[in-house]
Amino acid sequence: MKKVMIIGAVGAGKSTLIKALFGETEPATKTQSLLYRDWVIDTPGEYSENPLYYRSLIATSHETAAVLLVQDATRNRSYFPPGFEQGFPVQTMGAVTKIDHANADIDRAILFLRQSLPDGEIFLTSAESTEGIQRLKERLMEIVHH
């Protein structure tokens, strides 16, 4: 079964999002290396923040069905370079996390994602309230099982 690789900055909520997709509620721990789990590949945040790791992300994407770029709605900058999604040979989508946080700016987060992902689908999510989680999971399952 092909997998979905999840990429985002340190603390963007990637591991927490993955736990929510699997219906788990315990706190996530810091991802230290590429973690393969069922239909997901969790990546360390450093991989999206440091261009030296881009080659590893691109190579890993060749074994995936899709790439999901994660943008934290509370951040005031993007950690993805413009046109980042063009480096991947598979479908690329985006997810905005922490949409119900007091400091969330969803429109800004979408703008940041659009710089790197001009056309892909973007999902608005909250692992805390589970808003958007089921819709995202259903879409990822369609891609993985296609």
Protein backbone atom coordinates (compact mmCIF):
# COMPACT_ATOMS: atom_id res chain seq x y z
CA MET A 1 0.00 0.00 0.00
CA LYS A 2 1.31 3.43 -0.91
CA LYS A 3 1.69 5.98 1.87
CA VAL A 4 1.19 9.69 2.44
CA MET A 5 4.31 11.62 3.49
CA ILE A 6 3.58 14.44 5.95
CA ILE A 7 5.96 17.41 5.90
CA GLY A 8 6.01 20.57 8.02
CA ALA A 9 8.08 22.69 10.37
CA VAL A 10 9.13 21.69 13.88
CA GLY A 11 6.06 22.05 16.10
CA ALA A 12 3.62 22.48 13.19
CA GLY A 13 1.48 19.63 14.51
CA LYS A 14 2.42 16.81 12.11
CA SER A 15 2.65 14.01 14.68
CA THR A 16 -0.42 15.29 16.52
CA LEU A 17 -2.32 15.40 13.22
CA ILE A 18 -1.28 11.81 12.49
CA LYS A 19 -2.46 10.69 15.93
CA ALA A 20 -5.80 12.42 15.27
CA LEU A 21 -6.09 10.67 11.88
CA PHE A 22 -5.69 7.35 13.72
CA GLY A 23 -8.19 8.37 16.45
CA GLU A 24 -5.57 8.60 19.19
CA THR A 25 -5.58 11.29 21.86
CA GLU A 26 -2.33 10.88 23.80
CA PRO A 27 0.25 13.64 23.27
CA ALA A 28 2.64 13.27 20.35
CA THR A 29 6.38 13.05 20.83
CA LYS A 30 9.08 14.74 18.78
CA THR A 31 9.81 12.86 15.56
CA GLN A 32 13.56 12.22 15.26
CA SER A 33 13.71 10.40 11.92
CA LEU A 34 11.40 9.24 9.12
CA LEU A 35 8.66 7.20 10.82
CA TYR A 36 6.68 4.71 8.76
CA ARG A 37 3.29 3.84 10.21
CA ASP A 38 0.52 2.06 8.35
CA TRP A 39 -0.32 4.42 5.44
CA VAL A 40 1.65 7.44 6.72
CA ILE A 41 5.27 8.61 6.74
CA ASP A 42 5.93 11.17 9.50
CA THR A 43 8.95 13.41 8.88
CA PRO A 44 11.01 15.44 11.34
CA GLY A 45 10.33 19.18 11.10
CA GLU A 46 14.00 19.82 10.43
CA TYR A 47 13.55 18.15 7.03
CA SER A 48 11.32 20.99 5.79
CA GLU A 49 13.32 23.74 7.50
CA ASN A 50 16.75 22.79 6.11
CA PRO A 51 17.32 22.63 2.33
CA LEU A 52 20.02 19.98 2.92
CA TYR A 53 17.18 17.52 3.66
CA TYR A 54 15.07 18.34 0.58
CA ARG A 55 16.78 15.61 -1.47
CA SER A 56 15.79 13.04 1.17
CA LEU A 57 12.16 14.25 1.12
CA ILE A 58 12.03 14.14 -2.68
CA ALA A 59 13.59 10.65 -2.76
CA THR A 60 11.15 9.39 -0.12
CA SER A 61 8.21 10.88 -2.03
CA HIS A 62 8.86 8.44 -4.89
CA GLU A 63 7.48 5.64 -2.69
CA THR A 64 4.33 7.58 -1.73
CA ALA A 65 0.88 8.18 -3.17
CA ALA A 66 0.83 11.80 -1.97
CA VAL A 67 2.59 14.47 0.04
CA LEU A 68 0.80 16.57 2.66
CA LEU A 69 2.36 19.95 3.51
CA VAL A 70 1.39 21.07 7.03
CA GLN A 71 1.19 24.76 7.98
CA ASP A 72 0.55 25.77 11.59
CA ALA A 73 -2.16 28.49 11.69
CA THR A 74 -0.39 30.21 14.60
CA ARG A 75 2.92 30.76 12.76
CA ASN A 76 3.72 34.08 11.15
CA ARG A 77 5.94 32.60 8.45
CA SER A 78 6.10 29.68 6.06
CA TYR A 79 8.88 27.13 6.25
CA PHE A 80 8.36 25.92 2.67
CA PRO A 81 10.07 27.63 -0.26
CA PRO A 82 7.94 29.00 -3.12
CA GLY A 83 6.92 26.24 -5.52
CA PHE A 84 8.06 23.52 -3.09
CA GLU A 85 5.40 21.09 -4.29
CA GLN A 86 6.90 21.07 -7.80
CA GLY A 87 9.75 18.89 -6.49
CA PHE A 88 7.42 15.98 -5.77
CA PRO A 89 6.36 13.47 -8.45
CA VAL A 90 3.06 12.75 -6.68
CA GLN A 91 -0.10 14.63 -5.74
CA THR A 92 0.62 17.30 -3.13
CA MET A 93 -1.96 18.75 -0.74
CA GLY A 94 -1.92 21.04 2.26
CA ALA A 95 -3.30 21.00 5.78
CA VAL A 96 -3.61 23.95 8.13
CA THR A 97 -3.33 22.82 11.75
CA LYS A 98 -4.39 24.46 15.02
CA ILE A 99 -7.29 26.32 13.37
CA ASP A 100 -9.12 26.72 16.71
CA HIS A 101 -6.09 28.12 18.58
CA ALA A 102 -6.54 31.63 20.03
CA ASN A 103 -3.65 32.92 17.88
CA ALA A 104 -4.71 31.16 14.67
CA ASP A 105 -4.80 33.18 11.45
CA ILE A 106 -6.27 30.73 8.95
CA ASP A 107 -6.20 33.11 5.98
CA ARG A 108 -2.50 33.84 6.53
CA ALA A 109 -1.76 30.09 6.83
CA ILE A 110 -3.57 29.43 3.54
CA LEU A 111 -1.59 32.23 1.86
CA PHE A 112 1.66 30.67 3.11
CA LEU A 113 0.64 27.26 1.75
CA ARG A 114 -0.41 28.75 -1.59
CA GLN A 115 3.14 30.09 -2.11
CA SER A 116 4.41 26.50 -2.07
CA LEU A 117 1.24 24.78 -3.27
CA PRO A 118 -0.48 26.98 -5.88
CA ASP A 119 -3.25 24.54 -6.86
CA GLY A 120 -3.50 21.61 -4.44
CA GLU A 121 -6.34 20.94 -2.04
CA ILE A 122 -6.02 22.51 1.42
CA PHE A 123 -7.72 21.07 4.50
CA LEU A 124 -8.40 23.05 7.69
CA THR A 125 -7.86 20.92 10.78
CA SER A 126 -7.81 20.87 14.55
CA ALA A 127 -6.49 17.79 16.31
CA GLU A 128 -7.95 19.16 19.55
CA SER A 129 -11.57 19.54 18.40
CA THR A 130 -11.11 16.98 15.55
CA GLU A 131 -12.57 19.53 13.12
CA GLY A 132 -11.63 18.64 9.54
CA ILE A 133 -9.85 15.44 10.58
CA GLN A 134 -12.41 12.98 9.19
CA ARG A 135 -12.67 14.84 5.87
CA LEU A 136 -8.87 14.86 5.52
CA LYS A 137 -8.63 11.16 6.41
CA GLU A 138 -11.31 10.22 3.87
CA ARG A 139 -9.49 12.16 1.13
CA LEU A 140 -6.11 10.61 2.00
CA MET A 141 -7.68 7.13 2.04
CA GLU A 142 -9.08 7.72 -1.47
CA ILE A 143 -5.59 8.55 -2.70
CA VAL A 144 -3.83 5.70 -0.87
CA HIS A 145 -6.31 3.09 -2.11
CA HIS A 146 -6.54 4.41 -5.67
